[in-house]
Amino acid sequence: MIAQVSAQPSAEGLPGAEFIQTLLDWLAQIALWGAVGSMLLGGALAGYSNWHGNSYGVSQGMKIAGGGFVGAVLAALAATIVNALFSAAGGTAPGP
């Protein structure tokens, strides 16, 4: 018979776990700054292009701004998505 293995994710006792969490928090902040920048840049490009009658520029600006919206949503939901997928695959999250 083949031995069964299990994996129970836990940061308990992991050296540097607090620092890794801080890095993840910083990455989320950088992602949000990037999303805001993308929305502002895309909006400015779309507005400027519309003012000058450049429909291609408007389209590109809207794509850039839309990317910012998607980036903000993903930055906010990233941990939730990972945890939900882990649970859906049969994993059990560590207790509080």
N, C-alpha and C. Protein backbone atom coordinates (compact mmCIF):
# COMPACT_ATOMS: atom_id res chain seq x y z
N MET A 1 0.83 -1.18 0.00
CA MET A 1 0.00 0.00 0.00
C MET A 1 0.88 1.25 0.00
N ILE A 2 0.44 2.26 -0.74
CA ILE A 2 1.20 3.51 -0.84
C ILE A 2 0.86 4.39 0.36
N ALA A 3 1.90 4.96 0.94
CA ALA A 3 1.70 5.85 2.09
C ALA A 3 0.97 7.11 1.66
N GLN A 4 0.06 7.55 2.48
CA GLN A 4 -0.69 8.78 2.22
C GLN A 4 0.08 9.97 2.76
N VAL A 5 0.08 11.05 2.02
CA VAL A 5 0.73 12.27 2.48
C VAL A 5 -0.33 13.35 2.64
N SER A 6 -0.03 14.32 3.45
CA SER A 6 -0.94 15.45 3.59
C SER A 6 -0.13 16.72 3.75
N ALA A 7 -0.74 17.82 3.39
CA ALA A 7 -0.08 19.12 3.53
C ALA A 7 -1.08 20.08 4.16
N GLN A 8 -0.70 20.61 5.28
CA GLN A 8 -1.53 21.58 5.98
C GLN A 8 -0.76 22.90 6.04
N PRO A 9 -1.07 23.83 5.16
CA PRO A 9 -0.33 25.10 5.14
C PRO A 9 -0.43 25.85 6.47
N SER A 10 0.71 26.29 6.93
CA SER A 10 0.75 27.07 8.16
C SER A 10 2.04 27.88 8.18
N ALA A 11 1.94 29.11 8.60
CA ALA A 11 3.12 29.95 8.72
C ALA A 11 3.67 29.90 10.15
N GLU A 12 3.03 29.11 11.00
CA GLU A 12 3.44 29.02 12.40
C GLU A 12 4.88 28.49 12.50
N GLY A 13 5.72 29.27 13.15
CA GLY A 13 7.11 28.87 13.34
C GLY A 13 8.01 29.07 12.14
N LEU A 14 7.47 29.56 11.04
CA LEU A 14 8.27 29.77 9.83
C LEU A 14 9.15 31.00 10.01
N PRO A 15 10.47 30.83 9.92
CA PRO A 15 11.34 32.00 10.04
C PRO A 15 11.07 32.98 8.90
N GLY A 16 10.86 34.21 9.25
CA GLY A 16 10.62 35.23 8.24
C GLY A 16 9.19 35.33 7.76
N ALA A 17 8.27 34.60 8.37
CA ALA A 17 6.87 34.62 7.92
C ALA A 17 6.27 36.02 8.00
N GLU A 18 6.60 36.73 9.06
CA GLU A 18 6.08 38.09 9.21
C GLU A 18 6.61 38.99 8.09
N PHE A 19 7.88 38.83 7.74
CA PHE A 19 8.47 39.63 6.67
C PHE A 19 7.84 39.28 5.32
N ILE A 20 7.58 38.00 5.08
CA ILE A 20 6.94 37.58 3.82
C ILE A 20 5.54 38.20 3.73
N GLN A 21 4.81 38.22 4.85
CA GLN A 21 3.49 38.84 4.85
C GLN A 21 3.60 40.33 4.57
N THR A 22 4.62 40.97 5.14
CA THR A 22 4.84 42.40 4.87
C THR A 22 5.13 42.62 3.39
N LEU A 23 5.95 41.75 2.78
CA LEU A 23 6.24 41.87 1.35
C LEU A 23 4.97 41.73 0.51
N LEU A 24 4.11 40.78 0.88
CA LEU A 24 2.85 40.60 0.15
C LEU A 24 1.97 41.84 0.29
N ASP A 25 1.94 42.42 1.48
CA ASP A 25 1.17 43.65 1.68
C ASP A 25 1.72 44.78 0.82
N TRP A 26 3.05 44.88 0.76
CA TRP A 26 3.66 45.92 -0.07
C TRP A 26 3.35 45.70 -1.55
N LEU A 27 3.40 44.44 -2.00
CA LEU A 27 3.08 44.15 -3.40
C LEU A 27 1.64 44.53 -3.72
N ALA A 28 0.73 44.26 -2.79
CA ALA A 28 -0.67 44.65 -3.00
C ALA A 28 -0.79 46.17 -3.09
N GLN A 29 -0.04 46.90 -2.27
CA GLN A 29 -0.07 48.36 -2.32
C GLN A 29 0.48 48.86 -3.64
N ILE A 30 1.58 48.28 -4.10
CA ILE A 30 2.16 48.68 -5.39
C ILE A 30 1.18 48.39 -6.52
N ALA A 31 0.49 47.25 -6.45
CA ALA A 31 -0.51 46.92 -7.46
C ALA A 31 -1.63 47.95 -7.47
N LEU A 32 -2.06 48.39 -6.30
CA LEU A 32 -3.12 49.40 -6.24
C LEU A 32 -2.64 50.74 -6.78
N TRP A 33 -1.40 51.13 -6.47
CA TRP A 33 -0.86 52.36 -7.05
C TRP A 33 -0.80 52.27 -8.57
N GLY A 34 -0.38 51.10 -9.07
CA GLY A 34 -0.34 50.90 -10.51
C GLY A 34 -1.73 50.97 -11.13
N ALA A 35 -2.73 50.42 -10.44
CA ALA A 35 -4.10 50.46 -10.94
C ALA A 35 -4.61 51.90 -11.01
N VAL A 36 -4.34 52.68 -9.97
CA VAL A 36 -4.77 54.09 -9.98
C VAL A 36 -4.06 54.84 -11.10
N GLY A 37 -2.76 54.61 -11.24
CA GLY A 37 -2.02 55.27 -12.31
C GLY A 37 -2.55 54.90 -13.68
N SER A 38 -2.87 53.64 -13.87
CA SER A 38 -3.42 53.18 -15.13
C SER A 38 -4.77 53.83 -15.43
N MET A 39 -5.62 53.92 -14.41
CA MET A 39 -6.92 54.56 -14.61
C MET A 39 -6.77 56.03 -14.96
N LEU A 40 -5.87 56.71 -14.25
CA LEU A 40 -5.67 58.14 -14.52
C LEU A 40 -5.05 58.37 -15.90
N LEU A 41 -4.05 57.59 -16.23
CA LEU A 41 -3.40 57.73 -17.53
C LEU A 41 -4.36 57.39 -18.66
N GLY A 42 -5.09 56.28 -18.51
CA GLY A 42 -6.06 55.88 -19.53
C GLY A 42 -7.16 56.90 -19.70
N GLY A 43 -7.66 57.44 -18.59
CA GLY A 43 -8.69 58.47 -18.67
C GLY A 43 -8.18 59.73 -19.34
N ALA A 44 -6.96 60.13 -19.01
CA ALA A 44 -6.37 61.32 -19.64
C ALA A 44 -6.18 61.11 -21.14
N LEU A 45 -5.68 59.94 -21.51
CA LEU A 45 -5.47 59.65 -22.93
C LEU A 45 -6.79 59.62 -23.69
N ALA A 46 -7.80 58.99 -23.09
CA ALA A 46 -9.11 58.93 -23.75
C ALA A 46 -9.71 60.31 -23.90
N GLY A 47 -9.63 61.12 -22.85
CA GLY A 47 -10.17 62.48 -22.92
C GLY A 47 -9.44 63.35 -23.93
N TYR A 48 -8.12 63.30 -23.89
CA TYR A 48 -7.32 64.09 -24.83
C TYR A 48 -7.58 63.65 -26.27
N SER A 49 -7.63 62.35 -26.47
CA SER A 49 -7.85 61.82 -27.83
C SER A 49 -9.26 62.17 -28.32
N ASN A 50 -10.23 62.12 -27.44
CA ASN A 50 -11.59 62.48 -27.81
C ASN A 50 -11.67 63.95 -28.19
N TRP A 51 -10.98 64.78 -27.46
CA TRP A 51 -10.96 66.22 -27.73
C TRP A 51 -10.37 66.51 -29.11
N HIS A 52 -9.41 65.68 -29.51
CA HIS A 52 -8.76 65.86 -30.81
C HIS A 52 -9.36 64.97 -31.89
N GLY A 53 -10.44 64.29 -31.60
CA GLY A 53 -11.12 63.47 -32.62
C GLY A 53 -10.37 62.23 -33.03
N ASN A 54 -9.55 61.69 -32.13
CA ASN A 54 -8.75 60.50 -32.42
C ASN A 54 -9.42 59.29 -31.77
N SER A 55 -10.22 58.58 -32.53
CA SER A 55 -10.96 57.45 -31.95
C SER A 55 -10.04 56.31 -31.53
N TYR A 56 -8.92 56.13 -32.23
CA TYR A 56 -7.98 55.08 -31.85
C TYR A 56 -7.40 55.38 -30.46
N GLY A 57 -7.04 56.62 -30.22
CA GLY A 57 -6.51 57.01 -28.91
C GLY A 57 -7.53 56.84 -27.81
N VAL A 58 -8.80 57.15 -28.13
CA VAL A 58 -9.87 56.95 -27.15
C VAL A 58 -9.96 55.47 -26.79
N SER A 59 -9.93 54.62 -27.79
CA SER A 59 -10.01 53.18 -27.57
C SER A 59 -8.85 52.69 -26.72
N GLN A 60 -7.65 53.14 -27.03
CA GLN A 60 -6.48 52.72 -26.26
C GLN A 60 -6.55 53.23 -24.83
N GLY A 61 -6.99 54.46 -24.67
CA GLY A 61 -7.13 55.02 -23.32
C GLY A 61 -8.12 54.24 -22.48
N MET A 62 -9.22 53.84 -23.10
CA MET A 62 -10.23 53.07 -22.37
C MET A 62 -9.69 51.68 -22.01
N LYS A 63 -8.86 51.10 -22.88
CA LYS A 63 -8.25 49.80 -22.57
C LYS A 63 -7.30 49.93 -21.38
N ILE A 64 -6.52 51.00 -21.37
CA ILE A 64 -5.58 51.22 -20.27
C ILE A 64 -6.34 51.44 -18.96
N ALA A 65 -7.37 52.27 -19.00
CA ALA A 65 -8.17 52.52 -17.79
C ALA A 65 -8.86 51.23 -17.34
N GLY A 66 -9.37 50.45 -18.27
CA GLY A 66 -10.01 49.18 -17.93
C GLY A 66 -9.04 48.22 -17.28
N GLY A 67 -7.80 48.24 -17.76
CA GLY A 67 -6.76 47.41 -17.12
C GLY A 67 -6.54 47.80 -15.68
N GLY A 68 -6.65 49.10 -15.41
CA GLY A 68 -6.53 49.57 -14.03
C GLY A 68 -7.66 49.06 -13.16
N PHE A 69 -8.88 49.07 -13.71
CA PHE A 69 -10.02 48.55 -12.96
C PHE A 69 -9.83 47.06 -12.64
N VAL A 70 -9.42 46.31 -13.64
CA VAL A 70 -9.20 44.86 -13.44
C VAL A 70 -8.07 44.63 -12.44
N GLY A 71 -7.01 45.41 -12.55
CA GLY A 71 -5.89 45.28 -11.62
C GLY A 71 -6.31 45.56 -10.18
N ALA A 72 -7.15 46.56 -9.97
CA ALA A 72 -7.61 46.88 -8.62
C ALA A 72 -8.45 45.74 -8.05
N VAL A 73 -9.32 45.17 -8.89
CA VAL A 73 -10.16 44.07 -8.43
C VAL A 73 -9.29 42.85 -8.09
N LEU A 74 -8.32 42.54 -8.94
CA LEU A 74 -7.46 41.39 -8.68
C LEU A 74 -6.59 41.60 -7.44
N ALA A 75 -6.10 42.82 -7.24
CA ALA A 75 -5.30 43.10 -6.04
C ALA A 75 -6.14 42.91 -4.78
N ALA A 76 -7.40 43.32 -4.85
CA ALA A 76 -8.27 43.20 -3.69
C ALA A 76 -8.69 41.75 -3.44
N LEU A 77 -8.87 40.98 -4.49
CA LEU A 77 -9.41 39.63 -4.35
C LEU A 77 -8.36 38.51 -4.43
N ALA A 78 -7.10 38.84 -4.64
CA ALA A 78 -6.08 37.82 -4.87
C ALA A 78 -6.04 36.77 -3.76
N ALA A 79 -5.95 37.19 -2.51
CA ALA A 79 -5.87 36.23 -1.41
C ALA A 79 -7.16 35.41 -1.31
N THR A 80 -8.29 36.05 -1.51
CA THR A 80 -9.57 35.35 -1.44
C THR A 80 -9.66 34.29 -2.54
N ILE A 81 -9.21 34.64 -3.74
CA ILE A 81 -9.24 33.70 -4.87
C ILE A 81 -8.35 32.50 -4.57
N VAL A 82 -7.14 32.75 -4.10
CA VAL A 82 -6.21 31.65 -3.80
C VAL A 82 -6.78 30.75 -2.72
N ASN A 83 -7.32 31.34 -1.64
CA ASN A 83 -7.88 30.53 -0.56
C ASN A 83 -9.10 29.75 -1.02
N ALA A 84 -9.95 30.36 -1.85
CA ALA A 84 -11.14 29.66 -2.35
C ALA A 84 -10.75 28.49 -3.26
N LEU A 85 -9.77 28.70 -4.13
CA LEU A 85 -9.31 27.62 -5.00
C LEU A 85 -8.69 26.49 -4.20
N PHE A 86 -7.92 26.84 -3.18
CA PHE A 86 -7.30 25.82 -2.33
C PHE A 86 -8.38 24.99 -1.63
N SER A 87 -9.39 25.67 -1.10
CA SER A 87 -10.48 24.95 -0.43
C SER A 87 -11.29 24.11 -1.41
N ALA A 88 -11.53 24.65 -2.62
CA ALA A 88 -12.29 23.91 -3.62
C ALA A 88 -11.55 22.66 -4.08
N ALA A 89 -10.24 22.69 -4.02
CA ALA A 89 -9.45 21.53 -4.42
C ALA A 89 -9.34 20.49 -3.31
N GLY A 90 -9.96 20.77 -2.19
CA GLY A 90 -9.97 19.79 -1.10
C GLY A 90 -9.01 20.10 0.00
N GLY A 91 -8.31 21.21 -0.07
CA GLY A 91 -7.38 21.58 1.00
C GLY A 91 -8.13 22.12 2.21
N THR A 92 -7.51 22.01 3.35
CA THR A 92 -8.12 22.58 4.54
C THR A 92 -7.23 23.69 5.05
N ALA A 93 -7.83 24.85 5.19
CA ALA A 93 -7.08 26.02 5.67
C ALA A 93 -6.77 25.86 7.15
N PRO A 94 -5.66 26.43 7.57
CA PRO A 94 -5.32 26.35 9.00
C PRO A 94 -6.32 27.14 9.83
N GLY A 95 -6.52 26.72 11.02
CA GLY A 95 -7.44 27.40 11.93
C GLY A 95 -6.88 28.74 12.39
N PRO A 96 -7.72 29.54 13.07
CA PRO A 96 -7.26 30.86 13.54
C PRO A 96 -6.21 30.78 14.59
